[in-house]
């Protein structure tokens, strides 16, 4: 299990995501990889463009980690607006969207 701050959704007047300090997460969930989590989390309001850039950066980081650790399957779980920013697809609650990458495509994506 891998946590990444880039998956948090910060848009709107009432940000969807808040989280505990990193050390609290480490203490509670020793089995979770928190290398993608900043020490402090300070949500900031962001535009759709800001979210798109952050989503693309986060997915590249996650894919790099998957390649490095030889993972062949990953699941990304986030909120609607974050997923829409990345995929440009509006999804219903708990809907699954599958993506497959060939080694060549993956290389270009994480390049």
N, C-alpha and C. Protein backbone atom coordinates (compact mmCIF):
# COMPACT_ATOMS: atom_id res chain seq x y z
N UNK A 1 0.85 -1.17 0.00
CA UNK A 1 0.00 0.00 0.00
C UNK A 1 0.89 1.23 0.00
N UNK A 2 0.57 2.17 -0.87
CA UNK A 2 1.39 3.35 -1.09
C UNK A 2 0.51 4.58 -1.04
N UNK A 3 0.83 5.53 -0.18
CA UNK A 3 0.08 6.79 -0.10
C UNK A 3 0.84 7.87 -0.84
N UNK A 4 0.09 8.77 -1.49
CA UNK A 4 0.73 9.85 -2.23
C UNK A 4 -0.11 11.12 -2.08
N UNK A 5 0.51 12.20 -1.62
CA UNK A 5 -0.21 13.46 -1.44
C UNK A 5 -0.76 14.01 -2.75
N UNK A 6 -0.17 13.64 -3.86
CA UNK A 6 -0.65 14.12 -5.15
C UNK A 6 -2.04 13.64 -5.51
N UNK A 7 -2.58 12.66 -4.78
CA UNK A 7 -3.93 12.15 -5.03
C UNK A 7 -5.00 12.92 -4.27
N UNK A 8 -4.61 13.78 -3.37
CA UNK A 8 -5.58 14.53 -2.58
C UNK A 8 -6.28 15.56 -3.44
N UNK A 9 -7.56 15.79 -3.16
CA UNK A 9 -8.33 16.78 -3.91
C UNK A 9 -8.51 18.02 -3.06
N UNK A 10 -8.10 19.16 -3.60
CA UNK A 10 -8.09 20.41 -2.84
C UNK A 10 -9.03 21.47 -3.39
N UNK A 11 -9.79 21.18 -4.42
CA UNK A 11 -10.60 22.21 -5.06
C UNK A 11 -11.81 22.62 -4.23
N UNK A 12 -12.29 23.82 -4.51
CA UNK A 12 -13.54 24.30 -3.94
C UNK A 12 -13.38 24.96 -2.58
N UNK A 13 -14.51 25.43 -2.07
CA UNK A 13 -14.51 26.11 -0.77
C UNK A 13 -14.28 25.15 0.38
N UNK A 14 -14.66 23.88 0.19
CA UNK A 14 -14.54 22.87 1.24
C UNK A 14 -13.72 21.70 0.71
N UNK A 15 -12.39 21.77 0.83
CA UNK A 15 -11.57 20.69 0.29
C UNK A 15 -12.00 19.33 0.82
N UNK A 16 -12.04 18.35 -0.07
CA UNK A 16 -12.48 16.99 0.27
C UNK A 16 -11.52 16.31 1.22
N UNK A 17 -10.25 16.55 1.01
CA UNK A 17 -9.25 15.79 1.73
C UNK A 17 -8.53 16.61 2.78
N UNK A 18 -8.36 16.01 3.92
CA UNK A 18 -7.44 16.47 4.93
C UNK A 18 -6.74 15.20 5.39
N UNK A 19 -5.64 15.33 6.01
CA UNK A 19 -4.97 14.14 6.52
C UNK A 19 -4.20 14.47 7.78
N UNK A 20 -3.85 13.42 8.49
CA UNK A 20 -3.07 13.54 9.70
C UNK A 20 -1.62 13.86 9.35
N UNK A 21 -0.86 14.33 10.33
CA UNK A 21 0.58 14.51 10.08
C UNK A 21 1.20 13.17 9.68
N UNK A 22 2.24 13.24 8.87
CA UNK A 22 2.90 12.04 8.35
C UNK A 22 3.30 11.09 9.48
N UNK A 23 3.87 11.60 10.55
CA UNK A 23 4.35 10.73 11.63
C UNK A 23 3.19 9.96 12.27
N UNK A 24 2.01 10.56 12.38
CA UNK A 24 0.85 9.85 12.92
C UNK A 24 0.46 8.69 12.01
N UNK A 25 0.53 8.91 10.69
CA UNK A 25 0.22 7.85 9.73
C UNK A 25 1.23 6.72 9.88
N UNK A 26 2.51 7.07 9.98
CA UNK A 26 3.57 6.06 10.15
C UNK A 26 3.33 5.25 11.41
N UNK A 27 2.98 5.92 12.50
CA UNK A 27 2.76 5.23 13.78
C UNK A 27 1.56 4.29 13.73
N UNK A 28 0.49 4.69 13.04
CA UNK A 28 -0.73 3.88 12.98
C UNK A 28 -0.67 2.76 11.96
N UNK A 29 0.03 3.02 10.85
CA UNK A 29 -0.01 2.10 9.71
C UNK A 29 1.41 1.77 9.27
N UNK A 30 2.09 0.94 10.04
CA UNK A 30 3.49 0.62 9.79
C UNK A 30 3.72 -0.04 8.43
N UNK A 31 2.71 -0.71 7.89
CA UNK A 31 2.86 -1.45 6.63
C UNK A 31 2.68 -0.57 5.39
N UNK A 32 2.34 0.69 5.58
CA UNK A 32 2.05 1.58 4.46
C UNK A 32 3.32 2.35 4.05
N UNK A 33 3.57 2.38 2.75
CA UNK A 33 4.69 3.14 2.20
C UNK A 33 4.25 4.61 2.12
N UNK A 34 4.92 5.47 2.85
CA UNK A 34 4.56 6.89 2.88
C UNK A 34 5.62 7.76 2.20
N UNK A 35 6.40 7.18 1.31
CA UNK A 35 7.44 7.96 0.64
C UNK A 35 6.86 9.07 -0.24
N UNK A 36 5.59 8.96 -0.64
CA UNK A 36 4.94 9.99 -1.43
C UNK A 36 4.16 11.00 -0.61
N UNK A 37 4.39 10.99 0.70
CA UNK A 37 3.66 11.88 1.61
C UNK A 37 4.63 12.91 2.20
N UNK A 38 4.24 14.18 2.09
CA UNK A 38 5.06 15.25 2.68
C UNK A 38 4.93 15.22 4.21
N UNK A 39 5.91 15.78 4.88
CA UNK A 39 5.88 15.81 6.34
C UNK A 39 4.65 16.55 6.84
N UNK A 40 4.37 17.70 6.27
CA UNK A 40 3.20 18.49 6.64
C UNK A 40 2.28 18.62 5.44
N UNK A 41 0.99 18.61 5.68
CA UNK A 41 0.00 18.77 4.62
C UNK A 41 -0.77 20.05 4.86
N UNK A 42 -0.63 20.98 3.95
CA UNK A 42 -1.35 22.25 4.02
C UNK A 42 -2.14 22.41 2.73
N UNK A 43 -3.44 22.08 2.75
CA UNK A 43 -4.22 22.18 1.51
C UNK A 43 -4.32 23.62 1.03
N UNK A 44 -4.22 23.78 -0.27
CA UNK A 44 -4.40 25.09 -0.89
C UNK A 44 -5.44 24.95 -1.99
N UNK A 45 -6.23 25.99 -2.18
CA UNK A 45 -7.20 25.96 -3.25
C UNK A 45 -6.45 26.03 -4.57
N UNK A 46 -6.91 25.28 -5.55
CA UNK A 46 -6.23 25.26 -6.83
C UNK A 46 -7.23 25.31 -7.97
N UNK A 47 -6.77 25.79 -9.10
CA UNK A 47 -7.61 25.84 -10.29
C UNK A 47 -7.65 24.46 -10.93
N UNK A 48 -8.54 24.30 -11.93
CA UNK A 48 -8.58 23.04 -12.67
C UNK A 48 -7.25 22.76 -13.34
N UNK A 49 -6.62 23.79 -13.88
CA UNK A 49 -5.31 23.63 -14.52
C UNK A 49 -4.27 23.18 -13.51
N UNK A 50 -4.26 23.81 -12.33
CA UNK A 50 -3.32 23.41 -11.27
C UNK A 50 -3.52 21.95 -10.92
N UNK A 51 -4.79 21.54 -10.78
CA UNK A 51 -5.07 20.15 -10.42
C UNK A 51 -4.62 19.19 -11.52
N UNK A 52 -4.83 19.57 -12.77
CA UNK A 52 -4.42 18.71 -13.89
C UNK A 52 -2.91 18.49 -13.87
N UNK A 53 -2.16 19.57 -13.67
CA UNK A 53 -0.70 19.47 -13.61
C UNK A 53 -0.28 18.59 -12.43
N UNK A 54 -0.89 18.81 -11.27
CA UNK A 54 -0.54 18.02 -10.09
C UNK A 54 -0.91 16.56 -10.28
N UNK A 55 -2.06 16.28 -10.90
CA UNK A 55 -2.49 14.90 -11.15
C UNK A 55 -1.51 14.20 -12.10
N UNK A 56 -1.09 14.89 -13.14
CA UNK A 56 -0.14 14.31 -14.09
C UNK A 56 1.21 14.05 -13.41
N UNK A 57 1.66 14.98 -12.59
CA UNK A 57 2.91 14.78 -11.85
C UNK A 57 2.80 13.59 -10.90
N UNK A 58 1.67 13.50 -10.21
CA UNK A 58 1.47 12.41 -9.25
C UNK A 58 1.44 11.06 -9.95
N UNK A 59 0.74 10.96 -11.07
CA UNK A 59 0.64 9.66 -11.74
C UNK A 59 2.00 9.25 -12.30
N UNK A 60 2.77 10.21 -12.80
CA UNK A 60 4.13 9.89 -13.27
C UNK A 60 4.98 9.35 -12.12
N UNK A 61 4.88 10.01 -10.96
CA UNK A 61 5.63 9.58 -9.78
C UNK A 61 5.21 8.17 -9.36
N UNK A 62 3.92 7.91 -9.36
CA UNK A 62 3.39 6.59 -8.98
C UNK A 62 3.85 5.53 -9.98
N UNK A 63 3.80 5.84 -11.27
CA UNK A 63 4.23 4.88 -12.29
C UNK A 63 5.74 4.62 -12.20
N UNK A 64 6.53 5.64 -11.92
CA UNK A 64 7.97 5.44 -11.74
C UNK A 64 8.23 4.48 -10.58
N UNK A 65 7.51 4.67 -9.49
CA UNK A 65 7.66 3.79 -8.33
C UNK A 65 7.23 2.37 -8.67
N UNK A 66 6.17 2.23 -9.46
CA UNK A 66 5.71 0.90 -9.86
C UNK A 66 6.76 0.19 -10.70
N UNK A 67 7.36 0.92 -11.64
CA UNK A 67 8.41 0.33 -12.47
C UNK A 67 9.61 -0.05 -11.61
N UNK A 68 10.02 0.86 -10.74
CA UNK A 68 11.18 0.62 -9.87
C UNK A 68 10.97 -0.62 -9.01
N UNK A 69 9.75 -0.81 -8.51
CA UNK A 69 9.44 -1.94 -7.63
C UNK A 69 8.91 -3.16 -8.36
N UNK A 70 8.92 -3.07 -9.70
CA UNK A 70 8.49 -4.19 -10.54
C UNK A 70 7.02 -4.57 -10.32
N UNK A 71 6.17 -3.58 -10.02
CA UNK A 71 4.74 -3.83 -9.89
C UNK A 71 4.14 -3.89 -11.29
N UNK A 72 3.27 -4.83 -11.52
CA UNK A 72 2.65 -4.94 -12.83
C UNK A 72 1.21 -4.45 -12.82
N UNK A 73 0.65 -4.27 -11.64
CA UNK A 73 -0.72 -3.76 -11.52
C UNK A 73 -0.78 -2.76 -10.37
N UNK A 74 -1.44 -1.66 -10.61
CA UNK A 74 -1.65 -0.67 -9.55
C UNK A 74 -3.11 -0.22 -9.61
N UNK A 75 -3.61 0.22 -8.48
CA UNK A 75 -4.94 0.82 -8.41
C UNK A 75 -4.77 2.21 -7.83
N UNK A 76 -5.41 3.17 -8.47
CA UNK A 76 -5.38 4.55 -7.99
C UNK A 76 -6.79 4.88 -7.53
N UNK A 77 -6.89 5.36 -6.31
CA UNK A 77 -8.18 5.72 -5.73
C UNK A 77 -8.12 7.19 -5.34
N UNK A 78 -9.06 7.96 -5.87
CA UNK A 78 -9.10 9.38 -5.55
C UNK A 78 -10.52 9.90 -5.74
N UNK A 79 -10.69 11.21 -5.73
CA UNK A 79 -11.99 11.84 -5.89
C UNK A 79 -12.29 12.15 -7.36
N UNK A 80 -13.55 12.44 -7.63
CA UNK A 80 -14.03 12.68 -8.99
C UNK A 80 -13.22 13.74 -9.72
N UNK A 81 -13.07 14.92 -9.14
CA UNK A 81 -12.41 16.02 -9.85
C UNK A 81 -10.94 15.71 -10.15
N UNK A 82 -10.27 15.01 -9.24
CA UNK A 82 -8.89 14.63 -9.48
C UNK A 82 -8.82 13.65 -10.66
N UNK A 83 -9.68 12.64 -10.64
CA UNK A 83 -9.70 11.66 -11.73
C UNK A 83 -10.09 12.32 -13.05
N UNK A 84 -11.03 13.25 -13.01
CA UNK A 84 -11.43 13.97 -14.22
C UNK A 84 -10.26 14.79 -14.76
N UNK A 85 -9.51 15.43 -13.87
CA UNK A 85 -8.35 16.22 -14.29
C UNK A 85 -7.32 15.35 -15.01
N UNK A 86 -7.16 14.12 -14.53
CA UNK A 86 -6.17 13.22 -15.12
C UNK A 86 -6.68 12.55 -16.39
N UNK A 87 -7.92 12.05 -16.36
CA UNK A 87 -8.43 11.20 -17.44
C UNK A 87 -9.34 11.92 -18.42
N UNK A 88 -9.87 13.08 -18.02
CA UNK A 88 -10.87 13.79 -18.81
C UNK A 88 -12.11 12.92 -19.03
N UNK A 89 -12.43 12.13 -18.01
CA UNK A 89 -13.60 11.24 -18.03
C UNK A 89 -14.36 11.48 -16.74
N UNK A 90 -15.67 11.74 -16.85
CA UNK A 90 -16.50 11.92 -15.67
C UNK A 90 -16.98 10.55 -15.21
N UNK A 91 -16.66 10.20 -13.97
CA UNK A 91 -17.00 8.87 -13.47
C UNK A 91 -18.06 8.96 -12.38
N UNK A 92 -18.85 7.92 -12.27
CA UNK A 92 -19.83 7.81 -11.19
C UNK A 92 -19.14 7.29 -9.93
N UNK A 93 -19.82 7.37 -8.82
CA UNK A 93 -19.29 6.90 -7.56
C UNK A 93 -18.89 5.43 -7.65
N UNK A 94 -17.69 5.10 -7.24
CA UNK A 94 -17.15 3.73 -7.19
C UNK A 94 -17.01 3.08 -8.57
N UNK A 95 -16.99 3.87 -9.63
CA UNK A 95 -16.81 3.33 -10.97
C UNK A 95 -15.33 2.99 -11.19
N UNK A 96 -15.09 1.94 -11.96
CA UNK A 96 -13.73 1.50 -12.26
C UNK A 96 -13.39 1.90 -13.70
N UNK A 97 -12.21 2.44 -13.88
CA UNK A 97 -11.70 2.83 -15.19
C UNK A 97 -10.35 2.15 -15.35
N UNK A 98 -10.22 1.33 -16.35
CA UNK A 98 -8.97 0.59 -16.53
C UNK A 98 -8.10 1.21 -17.61
N UNK A 99 -6.81 1.22 -17.35
CA UNK A 99 -5.83 1.68 -18.33
C UNK A 99 -4.72 0.64 -18.40
N UNK A 100 -4.26 0.40 -19.60
CA UNK A 100 -3.17 -0.55 -19.80
C UNK A 100 -2.05 0.15 -20.54
N UNK A 101 -0.83 -0.11 -20.13
CA UNK A 101 0.34 0.49 -20.78
C UNK A 101 1.24 -0.62 -21.30
N UNK A 102 1.67 -0.49 -22.55
CA UNK A 102 2.74 -1.35 -23.04
C UNK A 102 4.04 -0.82 -22.46
N UNK A 103 5.10 -1.62 -22.47
CA UNK A 103 6.37 -1.10 -21.97
C UNK A 103 6.80 0.19 -22.68
N UNK A 104 6.54 0.28 -23.97
CA UNK A 104 6.90 1.48 -24.72
C UNK A 104 6.10 2.69 -24.24
N UNK A 105 4.78 2.50 -24.07
CA UNK A 105 3.93 3.59 -23.60
C UNK A 105 4.34 4.03 -22.19
N UNK A 106 4.62 3.06 -21.35
CA UNK A 106 5.02 3.37 -19.98
C UNK A 106 6.32 4.18 -19.98
N UNK A 107 7.27 3.79 -20.82
CA UNK A 107 8.52 4.53 -20.92
C UNK A 107 8.30 5.97 -21.31
N UNK A 108 7.39 6.21 -22.26
CA UNK A 108 7.09 7.58 -22.70
C UNK A 108 6.40 8.37 -21.59
N UNK A 109 5.53 7.70 -20.86
CA UNK A 109 4.74 8.34 -19.80
C UNK A 109 5.63 8.81 -18.66
N UNK A 110 6.56 7.96 -18.25
CA UNK A 110 7.39 8.31 -17.08
C UNK A 110 8.70 8.95 -17.48
N UNK A 111 9.01 8.92 -18.80
CA UNK A 111 10.22 9.49 -19.40
C UNK A 111 10.90 10.44 -18.58
